[in-house]
Amino acid sequence: MTFLMVNVLLMLTWAAVSGSFTIPNLLLGLAVGALSLWLVREQFAAARHRVNPVKLLVLTAVFFKELSLSAIKVALLVIRPDMQLRPGIFAFPLTLTRDFEITLLANLITLTPGTLSVDVSEDRKTLYVHALDCHDPAAEKRAISTGFERRIREAFPL
């Protein structure tokens, strides 16, 4: 059942990103989701019993909220005539320990406009993030920690 629910979430994400909720596009999203899950089937099988479906939906909702807010923020930054950008890279201390969780966090950060995951330290305790406007790295770290990172821990409990 978890496989089906994750595949449906992937399908809906596909439709939202492509901007088309037609039947053929939904079927294509379902096929791409199934292929993606098949490619990571061993990792998925290991984590399958530890997924909280409600919290996974909350994580998805938080991602779409952050996606929207970040897109608006970046748009407002770039249309300003003076464009006062302060790009920078900051080190985000990870509390997530599993590769799947770290990869998910890095991907969610990269998919959010204005931020990009650059690297993970060899000991997997630090994620380096580039921000388009990094005037307050502490606030960026707090936002990631209380947003995506916390929601990932809740959706995939140990």
N, C-alpha and C. Protein backbone atom coordinates (compact mmCIF):
# COMPACT_ATOMS: atom_id res chain seq x y z
N MET A 1 0.81 -1.20 0.00
CA MET A 1 0.00 0.00 0.00
C MET A 1 0.85 1.25 0.00
N THR A 2 1.97 1.21 0.71
CA THR A 2 2.85 2.37 0.75
C THR A 2 3.42 2.66 -0.63
N PHE A 3 3.78 1.60 -1.36
CA PHE A 3 4.29 1.78 -2.72
C PHE A 3 3.29 2.54 -3.57
N LEU A 4 2.03 2.14 -3.50
CA LEU A 4 0.98 2.79 -4.28
C LEU A 4 0.81 4.25 -3.87
N MET A 5 0.81 4.52 -2.56
CA MET A 5 0.63 5.89 -2.09
C MET A 5 1.80 6.78 -2.52
N VAL A 6 3.02 6.29 -2.39
CA VAL A 6 4.19 7.06 -2.81
C VAL A 6 4.14 7.29 -4.32
N ASN A 7 3.72 6.27 -5.06
CA ASN A 7 3.62 6.42 -6.52
C ASN A 7 2.56 7.45 -6.89
N VAL A 8 1.44 7.46 -6.19
CA VAL A 8 0.40 8.48 -6.45
C VAL A 8 0.94 9.87 -6.12
N LEU A 9 1.70 10.01 -5.02
CA LEU A 9 2.30 11.30 -4.70
C LEU A 9 3.27 11.74 -5.79
N LEU A 10 4.07 10.81 -6.29
CA LEU A 10 4.99 11.12 -7.38
C LEU A 10 4.22 11.53 -8.63
N MET A 11 3.12 10.85 -8.90
CA MET A 11 2.30 11.17 -10.07
C MET A 11 1.73 12.59 -9.95
N LEU A 12 1.22 12.93 -8.76
CA LEU A 12 0.66 14.27 -8.55
C LEU A 12 1.75 15.34 -8.62
N THR A 13 2.92 15.02 -8.12
CA THR A 13 4.05 15.95 -8.22
C THR A 13 4.41 16.16 -9.68
N TRP A 14 4.44 15.08 -10.45
CA TRP A 14 4.72 15.15 -11.89
C TRP A 14 3.71 16.06 -12.58
N ALA A 15 2.43 15.86 -12.26
CA ALA A 15 1.38 16.66 -12.90
C ALA A 15 1.49 18.13 -12.50
N ALA A 16 1.80 18.38 -11.23
CA ALA A 16 1.92 19.77 -10.77
C ALA A 16 3.10 20.48 -11.41
N VAL A 17 4.23 19.78 -11.50
CA VAL A 17 5.42 20.38 -12.11
C VAL A 17 5.21 20.60 -13.60
N SER A 18 4.57 19.66 -14.28
CA SER A 18 4.34 19.80 -15.72
C SER A 18 3.16 20.73 -16.01
N GLY A 19 2.33 20.98 -15.01
CA GLY A 19 1.20 21.89 -15.17
C GLY A 19 0.04 21.31 -15.96
N SER A 20 -0.02 19.98 -16.04
CA SER A 20 -1.09 19.34 -16.80
C SER A 20 -1.65 18.17 -16.02
N PHE A 21 -2.94 18.25 -15.73
CA PHE A 21 -3.62 17.18 -15.00
C PHE A 21 -4.52 16.36 -15.92
N THR A 22 -4.09 16.22 -17.17
CA THR A 22 -4.85 15.40 -18.11
C THR A 22 -4.61 13.93 -17.81
N ILE A 23 -5.51 13.09 -18.25
CA ILE A 23 -5.40 11.64 -18.02
C ILE A 23 -4.09 11.08 -18.60
N PRO A 24 -3.73 11.40 -19.86
CA PRO A 24 -2.46 10.87 -20.38
C PRO A 24 -1.25 11.32 -19.57
N ASN A 25 -1.24 12.57 -19.12
CA ASN A 25 -0.11 13.05 -18.33
C ASN A 25 -0.08 12.40 -16.96
N LEU A 26 -1.25 12.18 -16.34
CA LEU A 26 -1.30 11.48 -15.06
C LEU A 26 -0.80 10.04 -15.20
N LEU A 27 -1.18 9.37 -16.29
CA LEU A 27 -0.70 8.00 -16.54
C LEU A 27 0.81 7.99 -16.76
N LEU A 28 1.30 9.00 -17.48
CA LEU A 28 2.75 9.10 -17.68
C LEU A 28 3.44 9.32 -16.34
N GLY A 29 2.87 10.19 -15.50
CA GLY A 29 3.44 10.41 -14.17
C GLY A 29 3.43 9.16 -13.33
N LEU A 30 2.37 8.38 -13.44
CA LEU A 30 2.28 7.11 -12.72
C LEU A 30 3.37 6.15 -13.20
N ALA A 31 3.59 6.10 -14.51
CA ALA A 31 4.62 5.22 -15.08
C ALA A 31 6.02 5.68 -14.66
N VAL A 32 6.27 6.98 -14.73
CA VAL A 32 7.59 7.51 -14.33
C VAL A 32 7.81 7.27 -12.84
N GLY A 33 6.76 7.47 -12.03
CA GLY A 33 6.87 7.20 -10.59
C GLY A 33 7.17 5.75 -10.30
N ALA A 34 6.48 4.85 -11.00
CA ALA A 34 6.72 3.41 -10.81
C ALA A 34 8.14 3.04 -11.21
N LEU A 35 8.61 3.60 -12.32
CA LEU A 35 9.99 3.33 -12.76
C LEU A 35 10.98 3.86 -11.73
N SER A 36 10.74 5.05 -11.23
CA SER A 36 11.62 5.64 -10.21
C SER A 36 11.66 4.77 -8.96
N LEU A 37 10.50 4.33 -8.50
CA LEU A 37 10.45 3.47 -7.32
C LEU A 37 11.09 2.11 -7.57
N TRP A 38 10.97 1.61 -8.80
CA TRP A 38 11.61 0.34 -9.12
C TRP A 38 13.14 0.50 -9.07
N LEU A 39 13.65 1.65 -9.52
CA LEU A 39 15.09 1.88 -9.51
C LEU A 39 15.66 1.95 -8.09
N VAL A 40 14.85 2.41 -7.14
CA VAL A 40 15.31 2.51 -5.75
C VAL A 40 14.59 1.49 -4.86
N ARG A 41 14.20 0.38 -5.45
CA ARG A 41 13.38 -0.61 -4.74
C ARG A 41 14.05 -1.16 -3.50
N GLU A 42 15.37 -1.36 -3.51
CA GLU A 42 16.03 -1.91 -2.33
C GLU A 42 16.00 -0.92 -1.18
N GLN A 43 16.29 0.36 -1.47
CA GLN A 43 16.24 1.37 -0.43
C GLN A 43 14.79 1.60 0.02
N PHE A 44 13.87 1.55 -0.92
CA PHE A 44 12.46 1.75 -0.60
C PHE A 44 11.95 0.62 0.28
N ALA A 45 12.34 -0.61 -0.03
CA ALA A 45 11.90 -1.76 0.77
C ALA A 45 12.44 -1.66 2.19
N ALA A 46 13.66 -1.17 2.33
CA ALA A 46 14.25 -1.05 3.67
C ALA A 46 13.55 0.02 4.49
N ALA A 47 13.06 1.07 3.83
CA ALA A 47 12.43 2.18 4.55
C ALA A 47 10.91 2.07 4.58
N ARG A 48 10.34 1.10 3.87
CA ARG A 48 8.89 1.04 3.69
C ARG A 48 8.13 0.96 5.01
N HIS A 49 8.60 0.19 5.95
CA HIS A 49 7.85 0.02 7.19
C HIS A 49 7.98 1.22 8.13
N ARG A 50 8.82 2.17 7.77
CA ARG A 50 9.03 3.33 8.63
C ARG A 50 8.46 4.61 8.04
N VAL A 51 7.47 4.53 7.21
CA VAL A 51 6.88 5.72 6.59
C VAL A 51 5.58 6.05 7.30
N ASN A 52 5.46 7.29 7.73
CA ASN A 52 4.21 7.78 8.29
C ASN A 52 3.47 8.48 7.16
N PRO A 53 2.41 7.88 6.61
CA PRO A 53 1.76 8.44 5.43
C PRO A 53 1.19 9.84 5.62
N VAL A 54 0.64 10.11 6.79
CA VAL A 54 0.07 11.44 7.05
C VAL A 54 1.18 12.48 7.07
N LYS A 55 2.28 12.16 7.74
CA LYS A 55 3.40 13.09 7.81
C LYS A 55 4.07 13.25 6.44
N LEU A 56 4.02 12.22 5.62
CA LEU A 56 4.55 12.33 4.26
C LEU A 56 3.72 13.32 3.45
N LEU A 57 2.41 13.28 3.62
CA LEU A 57 1.53 14.26 2.97
C LEU A 57 1.82 15.67 3.48
N VAL A 58 2.08 15.79 4.78
CA VAL A 58 2.41 17.10 5.35
C VAL A 58 3.73 17.61 4.75
N LEU A 59 4.71 16.72 4.64
CA LEU A 59 6.00 17.09 4.02
C LEU A 59 5.78 17.57 2.59
N THR A 60 4.93 16.88 1.85
CA THR A 60 4.62 17.27 0.47
C THR A 60 3.97 18.65 0.44
N ALA A 61 3.03 18.89 1.34
CA ALA A 61 2.36 20.19 1.41
C ALA A 61 3.34 21.30 1.78
N VAL A 62 4.23 21.01 2.72
CA VAL A 62 5.24 22.00 3.11
C VAL A 62 6.15 22.31 1.92
N PHE A 63 6.52 21.29 1.16
CA PHE A 63 7.37 21.52 -0.01
C PHE A 63 6.67 22.44 -1.01
N PHE A 64 5.40 22.17 -1.32
CA PHE A 64 4.70 23.01 -2.29
C PHE A 64 4.51 24.43 -1.77
N LYS A 65 4.30 24.57 -0.47
CA LYS A 65 4.21 25.92 0.12
C LYS A 65 5.54 26.65 -0.04
N GLU A 66 6.64 25.99 0.32
CA GLU A 66 7.96 26.60 0.20
C GLU A 66 8.32 26.89 -1.25
N LEU A 67 7.92 26.00 -2.14
CA LEU A 67 8.16 26.19 -3.56
C LEU A 67 7.48 27.48 -4.04
N SER A 68 6.25 27.67 -3.65
CA SER A 68 5.49 28.87 -4.05
C SER A 68 6.09 30.14 -3.44
N LEU A 69 6.34 30.10 -2.14
CA LEU A 69 6.88 31.29 -1.47
C LEU A 69 8.26 31.65 -2.01
N SER A 70 9.10 30.65 -2.24
CA SER A 70 10.44 30.92 -2.76
C SER A 70 10.41 31.46 -4.17
N ALA A 71 9.50 30.94 -4.99
CA ALA A 71 9.38 31.44 -6.36
C ALA A 71 8.98 32.92 -6.36
N ILE A 72 8.06 33.28 -5.49
CA ILE A 72 7.65 34.68 -5.37
C ILE A 72 8.81 35.54 -4.87
N LYS A 73 9.52 35.05 -3.85
CA LYS A 73 10.65 35.79 -3.29
C LYS A 73 11.73 36.02 -4.33
N VAL A 74 12.08 34.99 -5.09
CA VAL A 74 13.11 35.13 -6.13
C VAL A 74 12.64 36.08 -7.23
N ALA A 75 11.39 35.96 -7.60
CA ALA A 75 10.86 36.86 -8.63
C ALA A 75 10.95 38.32 -8.18
N LEU A 76 10.58 38.57 -6.93
CA LEU A 76 10.66 39.94 -6.41
C LEU A 76 12.10 40.42 -6.31
N LEU A 77 13.02 39.53 -5.99
CA LEU A 77 14.43 39.91 -5.91
C LEU A 77 14.99 40.32 -7.27
N VAL A 78 14.64 39.58 -8.29
CA VAL A 78 15.25 39.84 -9.60
C VAL A 78 14.58 40.97 -10.38
N ILE A 79 13.35 41.33 -10.04
CA ILE A 79 12.73 42.44 -10.77
C ILE A 79 13.03 43.79 -10.15
N ARG A 80 13.63 43.80 -8.98
CA ARG A 80 14.02 45.08 -8.37
C ARG A 80 15.11 45.72 -9.20
N PRO A 81 15.02 47.03 -9.42
CA PRO A 81 16.03 47.69 -10.24
C PRO A 81 17.43 47.63 -9.64
N ASP A 82 17.53 47.69 -8.30
CA ASP A 82 18.86 47.67 -7.68
C ASP A 82 19.37 46.25 -7.41
N MET A 83 18.50 45.26 -7.45
CA MET A 83 18.81 43.84 -7.27
C MET A 83 19.92 43.63 -6.22
N GLN A 84 19.58 43.86 -4.99
CA GLN A 84 20.54 43.75 -3.89
C GLN A 84 20.67 42.30 -3.43
N LEU A 85 21.32 41.50 -4.24
CA LEU A 85 21.52 40.09 -3.92
C LEU A 85 22.80 39.94 -3.10
N ARG A 86 22.75 39.04 -2.16
CA ARG A 86 23.93 38.69 -1.38
C ARG A 86 24.09 37.17 -1.42
N PRO A 87 24.54 36.63 -2.56
CA PRO A 87 24.67 35.17 -2.64
C PRO A 87 25.77 34.67 -1.72
N GLY A 88 25.61 33.44 -1.29
CA GLY A 88 26.62 32.85 -0.42
C GLY A 88 26.36 31.38 -0.18
N ILE A 89 27.37 30.73 0.36
CA ILE A 89 27.27 29.32 0.73
C ILE A 89 27.40 29.23 2.24
N PHE A 90 26.49 28.46 2.84
CA PHE A 90 26.56 28.25 4.28
C PHE A 90 26.56 26.76 4.57
N ALA A 91 27.11 26.41 5.73
CA ALA A 91 27.18 25.01 6.17
C ALA A 91 25.97 24.74 7.06
N PHE A 92 25.17 23.77 6.67
CA PHE A 92 23.99 23.39 7.45
C PHE A 92 24.30 22.11 8.21
N PRO A 93 24.29 22.15 9.56
CA PRO A 93 24.57 20.93 10.34
C PRO A 93 23.38 19.97 10.27
N LEU A 94 23.64 18.76 9.81
CA LEU A 94 22.59 17.77 9.62
C LEU A 94 22.29 17.01 10.91
N THR A 95 21.02 16.81 11.18
CA THR A 95 20.62 15.89 12.25
C THR A 95 20.10 14.59 11.65
N LEU A 96 19.85 14.60 10.34
CA LEU A 96 19.45 13.38 9.64
C LEU A 96 20.67 12.49 9.48
N THR A 97 20.47 11.19 9.56
CA THR A 97 21.62 10.29 9.50
C THR A 97 21.59 9.32 8.33
N ARG A 98 20.41 8.98 7.85
CA ARG A 98 20.31 7.99 6.77
C ARG A 98 20.51 8.66 5.41
N ASP A 99 21.16 7.93 4.51
CA ASP A 99 21.44 8.46 3.17
C ASP A 99 20.17 8.92 2.45
N PHE A 100 19.11 8.13 2.57
CA PHE A 100 17.85 8.47 1.93
C PHE A 100 17.34 9.82 2.41
N GLU A 101 17.39 10.05 3.71
CA GLU A 101 16.90 11.30 4.29
C GLU A 101 17.76 12.49 3.84
N ILE A 102 19.07 12.32 3.86
CA ILE A 102 19.98 13.39 3.45
C ILE A 102 19.78 13.72 1.98
N THR A 103 19.61 12.69 1.16
CA THR A 103 19.37 12.90 -0.27
C THR A 103 18.05 13.62 -0.50
N LEU A 104 17.02 13.21 0.23
CA LEU A 104 15.72 13.86 0.10
C LEU A 104 15.81 15.33 0.50
N LEU A 105 16.48 15.62 1.61
CA LEU A 105 16.64 17.01 2.04
C LEU A 105 17.40 17.82 1.00
N ALA A 106 18.49 17.27 0.51
CA ALA A 106 19.29 17.98 -0.50
C ALA A 106 18.47 18.25 -1.75
N ASN A 107 17.66 17.29 -2.17
CA ASN A 107 16.82 17.49 -3.36
C ASN A 107 15.72 18.51 -3.12
N LEU A 108 15.09 18.48 -1.96
CA LEU A 108 14.04 19.46 -1.65
C LEU A 108 14.62 20.88 -1.64
N ILE A 109 15.82 21.02 -1.08
CA ILE A 109 16.48 22.33 -1.06
C ILE A 109 16.80 22.78 -2.48
N THR A 110 17.32 21.88 -3.30
CA THR A 110 17.68 22.23 -4.67
C THR A 110 16.46 22.57 -5.51
N LEU A 111 15.36 21.87 -5.29
CA LEU A 111 14.15 22.14 -6.05
C LEU A 111 13.46 23.45 -5.66
N THR A 112 13.83 24.00 -4.52
CA THR A 112 13.25 25.26 -4.06
C THR A 112 14.02 26.41 -4.70
N PRO A 113 13.34 27.31 -5.41
CA PRO A 113 14.03 28.42 -6.06
C PRO A 113 14.84 29.27 -5.08
N GLY A 114 16.03 29.63 -5.49
CA GLY A 114 16.89 30.48 -4.67
C GLY A 114 17.89 29.73 -3.83
N THR A 115 17.78 28.40 -3.76
CA THR A 115 18.73 27.60 -2.99
C THR A 115 19.20 26.42 -3.81
N LEU A 116 20.39 25.96 -3.47
CA LEU A 116 20.99 24.84 -4.19
C LEU A 116 21.89 24.07 -3.24
N SER A 117 21.68 22.77 -3.13
CA SER A 117 22.58 21.93 -2.34
C SER A 117 23.86 21.75 -3.13
N VAL A 118 24.98 22.05 -2.48
CA VAL A 118 26.26 22.02 -3.17
C VAL A 118 27.03 20.73 -2.89
N ASP A 119 27.07 20.34 -1.61
CA ASP A 119 27.88 19.18 -1.25
C ASP A 119 27.47 18.70 0.14
N VAL A 120 27.82 17.46 0.43
CA VAL A 120 27.66 16.89 1.76
C VAL A 120 29.05 16.50 2.23
N SER A 121 29.36 16.80 3.48
CA SER A 121 30.67 16.45 4.01
C SER A 121 30.84 14.93 4.02
N GLU A 122 32.08 14.49 4.04
CA GLU A 122 32.36 13.04 4.00
C GLU A 122 31.77 12.31 5.21
N ASP A 123 31.72 12.98 6.35
CA ASP A 123 31.15 12.35 7.54
C ASP A 123 29.62 12.44 7.59
N ARG A 124 29.02 13.07 6.56
CA ARG A 124 27.57 13.22 6.41
C ARG A 124 26.93 13.98 7.58
N LYS A 125 27.67 14.92 8.13
CA LYS A 125 27.14 15.73 9.23
C LYS A 125 26.89 17.17 8.83
N THR A 126 27.31 17.55 7.61
CA THR A 126 27.15 18.92 7.14
C THR A 126 26.72 18.93 5.69
N LEU A 127 25.71 19.74 5.39
CA LEU A 127 25.25 19.95 4.03
C LEU A 127 25.59 21.39 3.67
N TYR A 128 26.27 21.57 2.56
CA TYR A 128 26.63 22.91 2.10
C TYR A 128 25.56 23.38 1.12
N VAL A 129 25.02 24.57 1.39
CA VAL A 129 23.90 25.09 0.62
C VAL A 129 24.26 26.47 0.08
N HIS A 130 24.01 26.68 -1.21
CA HIS A 130 24.17 28.00 -1.82
C HIS A 130 22.80 28.68 -1.81
N ALA A 131 22.78 29.91 -1.34
CA ALA A 131 21.54 30.69 -1.34
C ALA A 131 21.73 31.94 -2.18
N LEU A 132 20.74 32.26 -2.98
CA LEU A 132 20.78 33.44 -3.83
C LEU A 132 20.87 34.71 -2.99
N ASP A 133 20.15 34.73 -1.88
CA ASP A 133 20.19 35.86 -0.97
C ASP A 133 20.50 35.33 0.42
N CYS A 134 21.77 35.41 0.79
CA CYS A 134 22.25 34.80 2.04
C CYS A 134 22.66 35.88 3.04
N HIS A 135 21.78 36.89 3.21
CA HIS A 135 22.13 37.96 4.14
C HIS A 135 22.01 37.51 5.60
N ASP A 136 21.25 36.46 5.87
CA ASP A 136 21.09 35.94 7.23
C ASP A 136 21.18 34.41 7.22
N PRO A 137 22.42 33.87 7.21
CA PRO A 137 22.56 32.41 7.17
C PRO A 137 21.90 31.69 8.35
N ALA A 138 21.88 32.32 9.51
CA ALA A 138 21.26 31.68 10.68
C ALA A 138 19.76 31.48 10.44
N ALA A 139 19.12 32.46 9.82
CA ALA A 139 17.69 32.33 9.53
C ALA A 139 17.45 31.24 8.48
N GLU A 140 18.32 31.15 7.49
CA GLU A 140 18.21 30.10 6.47
C GLU A 140 18.35 28.72 7.11
N LYS A 141 19.33 28.57 8.01
CA LYS A 141 19.53 27.29 8.70
C LYS A 141 18.31 26.94 9.55
N ARG A 142 17.78 27.93 10.26
CA ARG A 142 16.59 27.70 11.08
C ARG A 142 15.40 27.26 10.24
N ALA A 143 15.24 27.92 9.09
CA ALA A 143 14.11 27.59 8.21
C ALA A 143 14.23 26.15 7.70
N ILE A 144 15.42 25.73 7.32
CA ILE A 144 15.61 24.36 6.84
C ILE A 144 15.40 23.36 7.98
N SER A 145 15.95 23.69 9.15
CA SER A 145 15.86 22.79 10.29
C SER A 145 14.42 22.60 10.76
N THR A 146 13.67 23.69 10.86
CA THR A 146 12.30 23.59 11.36
C THR A 146 11.31 23.25 10.25
N GLY A 147 11.74 23.34 9.01
CA GLY A 147 10.87 23.04 7.88
C GLY A 147 11.10 21.64 7.35
N PHE A 148 11.92 21.56 6.30
CA PHE A 148 12.13 20.30 5.61
C PHE A 148 12.73 19.22 6.51
N GLU A 149 13.78 19.56 7.27
CA GLU A 149 14.48 18.54 8.05
C GLU A 149 13.56 17.92 9.11
N ARG A 150 12.83 18.75 9.81
CA ARG A 150 11.90 18.24 10.84
C ARG A 150 10.81 17.38 10.21
N ARG A 151 10.27 17.83 9.08
CA ARG A 151 9.19 17.09 8.41
C ARG A 151 9.70 15.75 7.86
N ILE A 152 10.94 15.71 7.41
CA ILE A 152 11.51 14.44 6.93
C ILE A 152 11.64 13.47 8.10
N ARG A 153 12.14 13.95 9.25
CA ARG A 153 12.26 13.08 10.44
C ARG A 153 10.89 12.54 10.85
N GLU A 154 9.86 13.38 10.76
CA GLU A 154 8.52 12.94 11.15
C GLU A 154 7.94 11.94 10.16
N ALA A 155 8.19 12.16 8.86
CA ALA A 155 7.63 11.27 7.83
C ALA A 155 8.33 9.92 7.79
N PHE A 156 9.61 9.91 8.14
CA PHE A 156 10.39 8.67 8.10
C PHE A 156 11.04 8.41 9.45
N PRO A 157 10.23 8.07 10.46
CA PRO A 157 10.79 7.85 11.81
C PRO A 157 11.71 6.63 11.82
N LEU A 158 12.64 6.63 12.75
CA LEU A 158 13.59 5.52 12.86
C LEU A 158 12.95 4.27 13.29
